[in-house]
Protein backbone atom coordinates (compact mmCIF):
# COMPACT_ATOMS: atom_id res chain seq x y z
CA MET A 1 106.82 78.36 145.99
CA HIS A 2 109.55 79.69 143.68
CA GLU A 3 111.53 81.58 146.33
CA ASN A 4 114.50 79.19 146.14
CA ARG A 5 114.53 78.83 142.37
CA THR A 6 118.06 78.89 140.95
CA SER A 7 117.29 78.28 137.26
CA TYR A 8 114.78 79.72 134.83
CA PRO A 9 113.34 78.70 131.45
CA LYS A 10 115.73 79.43 128.60
CA ARG A 11 113.35 81.92 126.98
CA LYS A 12 113.09 83.99 130.16
CA ALA A 13 116.84 83.87 130.75
CA GLN A 14 117.47 85.12 127.20
CA MET A 15 114.90 87.91 127.59
CA TYR A 16 116.46 88.97 130.89
CA GLN A 17 119.92 89.14 129.30
CA GLN A 18 118.57 90.96 126.26
CA LEU A 19 116.82 93.60 128.37
CA GLN A 20 119.98 94.14 130.37
CA GLU A 21 121.94 94.97 127.21
CA LEU A 22 119.61 96.74 124.75
CA PRO A 23 118.78 99.86 126.85
CA LYS A 24 122.52 100.54 127.08
CA LYS A 25 123.15 99.84 123.40
CA TYR A 26 120.52 102.22 122.00
CA LYS A 27 119.64 105.87 122.66
CA VAL A 28 115.88 105.31 122.47
CA LEU A 29 113.61 102.85 124.23
CA ALA A 30 110.00 102.98 123.00
CA LEU A 31 107.06 101.16 124.51
CA ILE A 32 103.98 99.97 122.60
CA LYS A 33 100.81 98.75 124.25
CA MET A 34 99.55 95.66 122.43
CA TYR A 35 95.86 96.34 123.16
CA LYS A 36 93.96 95.63 119.91
CA VAL A 37 97.25 95.12 118.06
CA ARG A 38 97.25 91.93 116.01
CA SER A 39 100.22 89.74 115.26
CA THR A 40 99.70 90.31 111.52
CA GLN A 41 100.66 93.96 112.07
CA ILE A 42 104.00 93.13 113.67
CA LEU A 43 105.61 90.98 110.96
CA PRO A 44 105.57 93.67 108.23
CA LEU A 45 107.03 96.17 110.70
CA ARG A 46 109.90 93.84 111.55
CA LYS A 47 110.81 93.74 107.85
CA ILE A 48 110.46 97.51 107.34
CA LEU A 49 112.46 98.43 110.44
CA LYS A 50 115.06 95.68 110.16
CA GLY A 51 118.55 97.04 110.82
CA ASP A 52 117.26 100.23 112.44
CA VAL A 53 115.02 98.94 115.22
CA GLU A 54 115.13 95.90 117.48
CA ILE A 55 111.66 94.72 118.51
CA VAL A 56 111.13 92.71 121.69
CA SER A 57 107.72 91.36 122.72
CA ILE A 58 107.35 91.21 126.49
CA LYS A 59 104.80 89.58 128.78
CA ASP A 60 106.54 88.44 131.92
CA LYS A 61 107.54 89.94 135.24
CA VAL A 62 111.13 89.14 134.31
CA VAL A 63 111.08 92.37 132.27
CA LYS A 64 110.64 94.57 135.34
CA LYS A 65 113.34 92.68 137.17
CA ALA A 66 115.75 93.12 134.27
CA LEU A 67 115.10 96.86 133.92
CA GLU A 68 115.34 97.47 137.66
CA LYS A 69 118.91 96.14 137.61
CA ILE A 70 120.29 98.57 135.01
CA ASP A 71 121.49 102.12 135.47
CA VAL A 72 119.81 104.05 132.65
CA PRO A 73 118.43 107.57 133.28
CA GLY A 74 114.62 107.61 133.29
CA ILE A 75 114.22 103.82 133.17
CA LYS A 76 112.03 103.86 136.29
CA ASP A 77 109.46 105.96 134.41
CA ILE A 78 109.22 103.21 131.80
CA ILE A 79 108.90 100.45 134.41
CA GLU A 80 105.82 102.22 135.77
CA GLU A 81 104.15 101.92 132.35
CA LEU A 82 104.57 98.13 132.10
CA THR A 83 100.97 97.01 132.46
CA GLY A 84 99.27 94.46 130.22
CA GLN A 85 100.90 93.02 127.13
CA CYS A 86 103.60 95.31 125.75
CA MET A 87 106.32 95.47 123.15
CA PHE A 88 109.65 97.31 123.22
CA MET A 89 111.41 99.02 120.31
CA PHE A 90 115.09 99.85 120.74
CA THR A 91 116.68 102.26 118.26
CA ASN A 92 119.00 105.22 117.72
CA MET A 93 116.30 106.86 115.63
CA SER A 94 114.38 109.83 117.01
CA PRO A 95 111.10 108.65 118.61
CA PHE A 96 109.28 111.29 116.56
CA LYS A 97 110.68 109.93 113.29
CA LEU A 98 109.91 106.37 114.40
CA ASN A 99 106.30 107.32 115.15
CA VAL A 100 105.97 108.93 111.70
CA ILE A 101 107.28 105.74 110.06
CA LEU A 102 104.77 103.68 112.04
CA ALA A 103 101.94 106.01 111.00
CA LYS A 104 102.90 105.67 107.32
CA ASN A 105 102.88 101.88 107.47
CA LYS A 106 99.28 101.20 108.36
CA ILE A 107 97.67 98.13 106.79
CA MET A 108 94.12 97.16 105.92
CA MET A 109 92.83 94.22 107.93
CA VAL A 110 89.89 91.84 108.09
CA ALA A 111 87.12 93.10 110.36
CA ARG A 112 85.96 91.60 113.63
CA GLY A 113 82.57 92.08 115.22
CA GLY A 114 82.44 95.45 116.94
CA ASP A 115 85.18 97.06 114.82
CA ILE A 116 84.62 100.55 113.42
CA ALA A 117 84.80 100.79 109.62
CA SER A 118 87.80 102.85 108.45
CA ILE A 119 86.24 103.30 105.00
CA ASP A 120 82.88 103.02 103.30
CA ILE A 121 82.54 99.27 102.83
CA VAL A 122 81.61 98.45 99.25
CA VAL A 123 80.67 94.86 98.45
CA PRO A 124 81.02 94.55 94.66
CA ALA A 125 78.73 92.55 92.40
CA LYS A 126 80.47 89.25 91.68
CA ASN A 127 80.41 85.49 92.03
CA THR A 128 81.25 84.76 95.67
CA GLY A 129 82.07 81.10 94.99
CA ILE A 130 80.01 80.23 98.10
CA ALA A 131 77.53 77.40 97.84
CA PRO A 132 73.86 78.21 98.61
CA GLY A 133 72.81 77.49 102.16
CA PRO A 134 72.71 79.37 105.47
CA MET A 135 74.91 82.11 104.00
CA LEU A 136 72.00 83.26 101.84
CA THR A 137 70.21 84.37 104.99
CA GLU A 138 73.35 86.11 106.26
CA PHE A 139 73.67 88.10 103.03
CA LYS A 140 69.98 89.04 103.21
CA ASN A 141 70.25 90.18 106.83
CA ALA A 142 73.24 92.32 105.88
CA GLY A 143 71.20 93.99 103.13
CA ILE A 144 73.33 92.54 100.34
CA PRO A 145 71.16 91.42 97.37
CA THR A 146 72.08 88.00 95.98
CA LYS A 147 71.07 85.45 93.39
CA ILE A 148 72.00 81.85 92.74
CA ASP A 149 73.69 81.05 89.46
CA GLN A 150 75.72 78.01 88.40
CA GLY A 151 75.44 76.55 91.88
CA THR A 152 76.97 79.50 93.78
CA ILE A 153 75.84 82.71 95.42
CA TRP A 154 76.26 85.81 93.30
CA ILE A 155 76.07 89.37 94.65
CA ALA A 156 73.51 91.04 92.41
CA LYS A 157 74.84 94.60 92.57
CA ASP A 158 77.39 96.80 94.30
CA THR A 159 76.24 97.39 97.86
CA THR A 160 77.47 99.54 100.75
CA PRO A 161 76.24 97.85 103.96
CA VAL A 162 78.33 100.04 106.31
CA LEU A 163 79.69 103.58 106.00
CA LYS A 164 82.96 104.89 107.36
CA GLY A 165 82.76 105.32 111.14
CA GLU A 166 79.92 102.87 111.64
CA VAL A 167 80.12 99.66 113.66
CA ILE A 168 80.57 96.34 111.85
CA ASN A 169 78.48 93.62 113.47
CA GLU A 170 79.80 90.11 113.89
CA LYS A 171 77.73 88.52 111.11
CA LEU A 172 78.77 91.13 108.55
CA ALA A 173 82.38 90.70 109.66
CA VAL A 174 82.12 87.00 108.80
CA ILE A 175 80.75 87.81 105.34
CA LEU A 176 83.48 90.37 104.66
CA GLY A 177 86.10 87.85 105.74
CA LYS A 178 84.77 85.26 103.30
CA LEU A 179 84.84 87.87 100.52
CA ASP A 180 88.40 88.97 101.47
CA ILE A 181 87.27 92.54 102.05
CA LYS A 182 89.52 94.34 104.54
CA PRO A 183 87.86 97.52 105.85
CA ILE A 184 89.90 98.15 108.99
CA GLU A 185 92.93 100.42 108.81
CA ALA A 186 95.30 99.27 111.51
CA GLY A 187 98.42 100.99 112.68
CA ILE A 188 100.72 101.07 115.67
CA SER A 189 101.80 104.14 117.60
CA LEU A 190 104.28 104.61 120.40
CA TYR A 191 102.74 104.74 123.86
CA VAL A 192 105.76 106.22 125.60
CA ALA A 193 109.45 106.65 124.75
CA LEU A 194 112.70 107.36 126.58
CA GLU A 195 115.51 109.23 124.80
CA ASP A 196 118.68 110.14 126.67
CA GLY A 197 116.76 110.12 129.96
CA LEU A 198 113.91 112.27 128.63
CA LYS A 199 110.43 110.72 128.63
CA TYR A 200 107.91 111.46 125.87
CA THR A 201 104.20 110.64 126.14
CA GLU A 202 101.98 109.36 123.33
CA GLU A 203 100.44 112.80 122.73
CA GLU A 204 103.83 114.53 122.56
CA MET A 205 105.07 112.19 119.83
CA ILE A 206 102.15 112.67 117.43
CA ILE A 207 103.27 114.82 114.50
CA ASP A 208 101.09 116.17 111.69
CA VAL A 209 103.74 116.07 108.97
CA GLU A 210 101.79 118.18 106.45
CA LYS A 211 100.98 120.83 109.05
CA ILE A 212 104.60 121.01 110.18
CA ARG A 213 105.79 121.24 106.56
CA ALA A 214 103.37 124.12 105.92
CA GLU A 215 104.52 125.93 109.07
CA PHE A 216 108.18 125.58 108.07
CA SER A 217 107.39 126.88 104.59
CA GLN A 218 105.59 129.91 106.01
CA ALA A 219 108.39 130.58 108.53
CA HIS A 220 110.98 130.38 105.73
CA GLN A 221 109.07 132.86 103.59
CA GLU A 222 108.69 135.27 106.51
CA ALA A 223 112.41 134.98 107.31
CA VAL A 224 113.36 135.73 103.70
CA SER A 225 111.03 138.76 103.62
CA LEU A 226 112.49 140.09 106.87
CA SER A 227 116.10 139.59 105.72
CA VAL A 228 115.37 141.38 102.43
CA GLU A 229 113.75 144.29 104.26
CA ALA A 230 116.72 144.49 106.66
CA ALA A 231 119.23 144.04 103.80
CA TYR A 232 120.79 141.08 105.61
CA VAL A 233 122.52 139.26 102.76
CA THR A 234 122.36 135.46 102.48
CA PRO A 235 122.86 133.13 99.48
CA GLU A 236 119.08 132.69 99.33
CA ASN A 237 118.11 136.37 99.26
CA ILE A 238 121.01 138.21 97.59
CA SER A 239 119.29 138.46 94.21
CA GLN A 240 116.16 139.95 95.83
CA ILE A 241 118.20 142.43 97.88
CA LEU A 242 120.19 143.57 94.82
CA SER A 243 117.00 143.90 92.81
CA LYS A 244 115.39 145.99 95.56
CA ALA A 245 118.52 148.15 95.91
CA ALA A 246 118.67 148.74 92.17
CA GLN A 247 115.01 149.75 92.11
CA SER A 248 115.53 152.14 95.05
CA ALA A 249 118.58 153.65 93.36
CA ARG A 250 116.62 154.24 90.14
CA SER A 251 113.83 155.89 92.10
CA VAL A 252 116.27 158.23 93.90
CA SER A 253 118.01 159.04 90.60
CA ILE A 254 114.74 159.94 88.89
CA GLU A 255 113.40 161.91 91.86
CA SER A 256 116.62 163.96 92.18
CA GLY A 257 117.11 164.45 88.44
CA PHE A 258 120.47 162.67 88.48
CA MET A 259 120.81 161.18 85.01
CA THR A 260 122.43 157.84 84.29
CA ASP A 261 122.32 155.59 81.24
CA GLU A 262 119.50 153.68 82.92
CA THR A 263 117.44 156.69 84.11
CA LYS A 264 118.05 159.55 81.66
CA GLU A 265 114.93 158.83 79.62
CA GLN A 266 112.69 158.81 82.69
CA VAL A 267 114.41 161.92 84.14
CA LEU A 268 113.84 163.83 80.88
CA GLN A 269 110.23 162.64 80.69
CA LYS A 270 109.65 163.86 84.24
CA ALA A 271 111.32 167.22 83.52
CA ASP A 272 109.27 167.62 80.36
CA ALA A 273 106.05 166.88 82.24
CA GLN A 274 106.95 169.37 84.95
CA ALA A 275 107.83 172.05 82.35
CA ARG A 276 104.53 171.56 80.57
CA ALA A 277 102.71 171.86 83.86
CA VAL A 278 104.49 175.14 84.65
CA ALA A 279 103.83 176.48 81.15
CA GLY A 280 100.16 175.66 81.48
CA LYS A 281 99.89 177.52 84.76
CA ALA A 282 101.77 180.52 83.33
CA LYS A 283 99.43 180.70 80.38
CA ASP A 284 96.40 180.78 82.62
CA TYR A 285 97.96 183.33 84.96
CA THR A 286 96.23 186.73 85.04
CA PRO A 287 98.01 189.56 86.89
CA ALA A 288 95.96 191.12 89.69
């Protein structure tokens, strides 16, 4: 019924124009799947990434049409991933660095029924400010001891109704929401990214920063050890090489009996020890 349409809603027209320009403006196009991503996670990211990343939420078929019209290497691979609700990030930042930034900016969120607890959920003893009523039964069913004091429900003692990794049921989620307890760690990660025509998958962009740092540290130490052993001089190892060379020179000097100001005492001590050893053997010698 829309085959002869000549005009489109302003929002769609703007999105079409935007998606024609941004993939050419930036080196990296990253795609995020919005499955289980809440709007409250997006706003803080917009502030953190402002100036470095342009974020575009997409829902409509107009996106595929816009991307199909541009000549950007690898763009067809991204079009194939456009299923469900998605979001684009355009940037000149490495997709690996962007993914690390996203991982560092996780937030704690209110739970929903069926969520998995990211931490041990501790409900502290306090005045809830909730009037007695049906909620008393909800607290009891959740295993949270209560009492009524001054017309409100008080939690009698610190309680841990759910441990990390366990499922939060819907009724407990309601209680936690009323108590402003946020036990769900929520973050966003890149689903796929395109950089200079090269496509990266979600698994390829996951970086264990601490592990990588440890591997670099070990590699650096091994490189320094090898360069010292090979006497390959660099600003980082010159003091170690000179120290090793000096020690080797002292050893050769002492072993050969070549006296210097630094080795004469040790050379004489060695000669004295050798002389004593010879004298001892001569004393014990009995002619045949």
